[in-house]
Protein backbone atom coordinates (compact mmCIF):
# COMPACT_ATOMS: atom_id res chain seq x y z
CA SER A 1 0.00 0.00 0.00
CA GLN A 2 1.06 3.56 -0.66
CA GLU A 3 2.56 5.23 2.38
CA GLN A 4 0.65 8.32 3.47
CA VAL A 5 2.74 11.41 4.10
CA GLU A 6 1.72 13.69 6.93
CA TYR A 7 2.49 17.35 6.45
CA ILE A 8 3.03 19.81 9.25
CA SER A 9 1.14 23.10 9.02
CA VAL A 10 3.40 26.09 9.54
CA ALA A 11 2.88 29.83 9.32
CA GLU A 12 3.27 31.38 5.88
CA TRP A 13 6.63 33.02 5.28
CA THR A 14 6.77 36.78 5.67
CA ASP A 15 7.73 38.84 2.63
CA ASP A 16 11.18 39.52 4.11
CA VAL A 17 11.89 35.81 4.70
CA ARG A 18 10.69 34.86 1.19
CA LEU A 19 12.73 37.58 -0.52
CA LEU A 20 15.87 36.76 1.48
CA GLY A 21 15.48 33.12 0.44
CA GLU A 22 15.18 34.18 -3.20
CA LYS A 23 18.32 36.30 -2.90
CA GLU A 24 20.32 33.53 -1.22
CA THR A 25 19.13 30.86 -3.68
CA LEU A 26 18.99 32.77 -6.98
CA GLY A 27 21.25 35.74 -6.33
CA LEU A 28 18.40 38.20 -6.95
CA TYR A 29 14.99 39.23 -5.67
CA LEU A 30 12.42 37.51 -7.89
CA THR A 31 8.95 38.41 -6.62
CA GLY A 32 9.60 41.86 -5.17
CA HIS A 33 12.14 44.03 -3.37
CA PRO A 34 12.56 44.32 0.43
CA ILE A 35 12.50 48.13 0.25
CA GLU A 36 8.97 48.21 -1.17
CA ARG A 37 7.26 48.04 2.22
CA TYR A 38 9.20 51.11 3.40
CA GLU A 39 8.84 53.37 0.35
CA ARG A 40 5.92 55.42 1.69
CA GLU A 41 7.85 56.02 4.91
CA LEU A 42 11.18 56.75 3.20
CA SER A 43 9.59 59.29 0.84
CA GLN A 44 9.08 61.60 3.82
CA PHE A 45 12.79 62.27 4.34
CA ILE A 46 14.91 61.19 1.34
CA SER A 47 15.91 63.78 -1.28
CA ALA A 48 15.36 61.49 -4.26
CA LYS A 49 15.44 57.93 -5.44
CA ILE A 50 18.84 56.77 -6.65
CA VAL A 51 17.80 56.78 -10.31
CA ASP A 52 17.02 60.52 -10.07
CA LEU A 53 20.25 61.63 -8.39
CA LYS A 54 22.31 64.43 -9.91
CA PRO A 55 25.75 65.82 -8.94
CA SER A 56 25.33 68.00 -5.85
CA LYS A 57 28.55 69.87 -5.14
CA ASP A 58 28.42 71.43 -1.68
CA LYS A 59 24.81 70.24 -1.32
CA GLN A 60 23.70 67.42 0.95
CA THR A 61 21.59 64.65 -0.56
CA THR A 62 19.75 61.95 1.41
CA VAL A 63 19.08 58.52 -0.08
CA ALA A 64 18.03 55.16 1.30
CA GLY A 65 18.81 51.69 0.03
CA LEU A 66 19.79 48.13 0.80
CA VAL A 67 23.47 47.29 1.13
CA ILE A 68 24.03 44.72 -1.62
CA ALA A 69 27.83 44.88 -1.67
CA LEU A 70 30.52 46.07 0.70
CA ARG A 71 34.25 46.16 0.25
CA SER A 72 36.91 47.73 2.41
CA LEU A 73 40.38 48.86 1.37
CA PHE A 74 43.36 50.66 2.77
CA THR A 75 44.27 54.26 1.99
CA LYS A 76 47.84 55.29 1.20
CA SER A 77 48.22 56.32 4.84
CA GLY A 78 47.26 52.81 5.97
CA ASN A 79 43.76 53.63 7.23
CA ARG A 80 40.77 51.52 6.26
CA MET A 81 37.94 52.96 4.15
CA ALA A 82 34.93 51.33 2.48
CA VAL A 83 32.81 51.40 -0.66
CA VAL A 84 29.19 50.34 -0.23
CA THR A 85 26.75 49.61 -3.05
CA LEU A 86 23.20 50.75 -2.26
CA ASP A 87 20.11 49.52 -4.11
CA ASP A 88 16.68 51.16 -3.75
CA ARG A 89 14.93 49.20 -6.53
CA SER A 90 15.14 52.19 -8.92
CA ALA A 91 18.94 51.94 -9.36
CA ARG A 92 22.23 51.37 -7.56
CA ILE A 93 24.98 53.73 -6.47
CA GLU A 94 28.40 53.31 -4.87
CA VAL A 95 28.81 55.15 -1.58
CA VAL A 96 32.32 56.04 -0.45
CA PHE A 97 33.14 56.07 3.25
CA PHE A 98 36.52 57.67 3.83
CA ALA A 99 38.58 56.55 6.80
CA ASP A 100 37.10 58.87 9.45
CA LEU A 101 33.52 58.07 8.45
CA TYR A 102 34.25 54.35 8.14
CA ALA A 103 35.71 54.28 11.66
CA LEU A 104 32.58 56.03 12.95
CA TYR A 105 29.97 53.90 11.18
CA LYS A 106 31.63 50.55 10.47
CA ASP A 107 29.41 48.73 12.99
CA ILE A 108 26.25 49.43 10.95
CA LEU A 109 27.72 48.84 7.49
CA GLU A 110 26.32 45.37 6.89
CA LYS A 111 25.13 43.53 3.80
CA ASP A 112 21.33 43.39 3.33
CA LEU A 113 20.78 46.19 5.88
CA LEU A 114 18.62 49.17 4.93
CA LEU A 115 20.60 52.38 5.42
CA VAL A 116 19.84 56.08 5.11
CA VAL A 117 22.85 58.00 3.84
CA GLU A 118 23.52 61.74 3.61
CA GLY A 119 26.31 63.03 1.41
CA GLU A 120 27.36 64.69 -1.85
CA VAL A 121 26.78 63.21 -5.29
CA SER A 122 29.64 63.56 -7.78
CA ILE A 123 30.82 62.02 -11.05
CA ASP A 124 33.13 59.03 -10.60
CA GLU A 125 36.18 59.77 -12.79
CA TYR A 126 36.80 56.06 -13.38
CA THR A 127 33.32 54.81 -14.27
CA GLU A 128 31.83 58.16 -15.39
CA GLY A 129 28.77 57.22 -13.37
CA PHE A 130 27.66 58.85 -10.14
CA ARG A 131 28.97 58.12 -6.67
CA LEU A 132 27.96 59.38 -3.24
CA THR A 133 30.52 60.55 -0.70
CA ALA A 134 28.99 59.78 2.70
CA ARG A 135 28.83 62.37 5.47
CA LYS A 136 26.34 60.64 7.76
CA VAL A 137 24.65 57.23 7.81
CA SER A 138 21.80 55.86 9.92
CA THR A 139 19.77 52.70 10.21
CA LEU A 140 16.05 53.11 9.70
CA ASP A 141 15.37 52.64 13.41
CA GLN A 142 17.85 55.43 14.19
CA VAL A 143 15.95 57.73 11.83
CA ARG A 144 12.70 56.70 13.49
CA GLU A 145 13.91 58.23 16.74
CA ARG A 146 12.74 61.57 15.33
CA ALA A 147 9.36 60.30 14.08
CA LYS A 148 6.49 62.50 15.27
CA ARG A 149 3.49 60.18 15.08
CA ILE A 150 2.27 56.64 14.45
CA ARG A 151 -1.28 56.46 13.10
CA ILE A 152 -3.37 53.34 13.68
CA ASN A 153 -6.61 52.81 11.75
CA LEU A 154 -9.11 50.57 13.49
CA GLU A 155 -11.94 49.54 11.16
CA ASN A 156 -15.29 47.89 11.90
CA ASN A 157 -13.94 44.34 11.83
CA SER A 158 -11.11 45.04 14.30
CA CYS A 159 -12.74 47.20 16.96
CA SER A 160 -13.51 44.41 19.41
CA ASP A 161 -12.76 44.81 23.10
CA ASN A 162 -10.09 42.12 22.70
CA ILE A 163 -8.23 44.08 19.99
CA ILE A 164 -8.38 47.28 22.04
CA LYS A 165 -6.98 45.48 25.09
CA GLN A 166 -4.19 43.88 23.02
CA LEU A 167 -3.33 47.28 21.51
CA GLN A 168 -3.21 48.85 24.96
CA ASP A 169 -0.91 46.11 26.28
CA LEU A 170 1.35 46.37 23.23
CA LEU A 171 1.75 50.14 23.44
CA ALA A 172 2.39 49.92 27.18
CA ARG A 173 5.48 47.78 26.49
CA HIS A 174 7.00 50.43 24.19
CA LYS A 175 6.46 53.60 26.21
CA GLN A 176 9.13 56.15 27.14
CA GLY A 177 9.67 57.49 23.65
CA GLU A 178 8.91 60.72 21.81
CA CYS A 179 6.50 59.44 19.15
CA ASP A 180 2.80 60.25 19.51
CA ILE A 181 0.10 57.64 18.92
CA GLN A 182 -3.01 58.61 16.96
CA VAL A 183 -5.91 56.15 16.72
CA HIS A 184 -8.58 56.42 14.04
CA TYR A 185 -11.55 54.52 15.50
CA LYS A 186 -14.63 53.57 13.49
CA ASN A 187 -17.61 51.32 14.15
CA SER A 188 -21.32 51.20 13.42
CA GLN A 189 -21.96 53.96 15.96
CA GLY A 190 -19.60 56.51 14.46
CA LYS A 191 -15.94 57.41 14.11
CA ALA A 192 -13.31 59.48 15.90
CA SER A 193 -9.64 60.41 15.66
CA LEU A 194 -7.92 60.23 19.04
CA LEU A 195 -4.46 61.58 19.83
CA LEU A 196 -3.35 59.66 22.91
CA GLY A 197 -1.82 61.56 25.80
CA ALA A 198 1.90 62.15 26.29
CA GLU A 199 2.06 59.20 28.69
CA TRP A 200 1.40 56.91 25.68
CA ARG A 201 4.29 58.19 23.56
CA VAL A 202 6.45 55.32 22.31
CA LYS A 203 9.88 54.63 20.91
CA ALA A 204 9.25 53.89 17.23
CA SER A 205 11.05 50.79 15.98
CA GLU A 206 10.76 48.02 13.40
CA PHE A 207 9.77 45.61 16.15
CA LEU A 208 6.90 47.81 17.35
CA LEU A 209 5.63 48.53 13.83
CA GLU A 210 5.66 44.84 12.92
CA GLN A 211 3.69 43.98 16.05
CA LEU A 212 1.15 46.73 15.33
CA GLN A 213 0.78 45.51 11.74
CA ASN A 214 0.31 41.92 12.89
CA LEU A 215 -2.41 43.04 15.29
CA CYS A 216 -4.24 45.67 13.24
CA GLY A 217 -3.25 44.92 9.63
CA GLN A 218 -0.29 46.10 7.55
CA GLU A 219 -2.21 48.90 5.82
CA ALA A 220 -3.68 50.09 9.14
CA VAL A 221 -0.34 51.38 10.47
CA ALA A 222 1.60 54.40 9.19
CA ILE A 223 4.47 56.45 10.61
CA PHE A 224 4.95 60.20 10.06
CA TYR A 225 7.93 62.56 10.46
């Protein structure tokens, strides 16, 4: 008789896990790009997408992208510097970190990490393409430290007492920040927009946003600067 195979039910992969698996297996992102989920947020503080960059002598430009390549090398004086390739789905650009900047930020220069970089765009004399000379770099969570507000939309199908209690417990675990919480509440009786008091301000982070999205829905949560 044919042996019956029993399968174990597991949770569906998140987009990030699926895309990372594609990158590790195929060398490229096949069904999307990890930066997509952040584009609405990033648009609030970047100067332009990489494809639209122009030389900016003496002018600071802010871009965001995934680190897809990283190489370090020694200067003539024996100090270590780095060249990072950023990808924001629109294009790629090489970002140069001279020795002083590399020493300051080397701990957050990691492959597959989303970085926000400020610097000057110039023409690379070797490739004749553009390059960015870094002046400051931050992780997305570091940028979020200056976020002003997280908005949470609660629709008819999520306004149960249980959801409200879970939301209260979740926010209570992330207090002691500077980011306001605004709740848009709607049910069959009416709707209201509530700005929670200062005692409910939170520290905005990827972990908190993911938990809010899991509880209330991905499209129900937005962050503002």
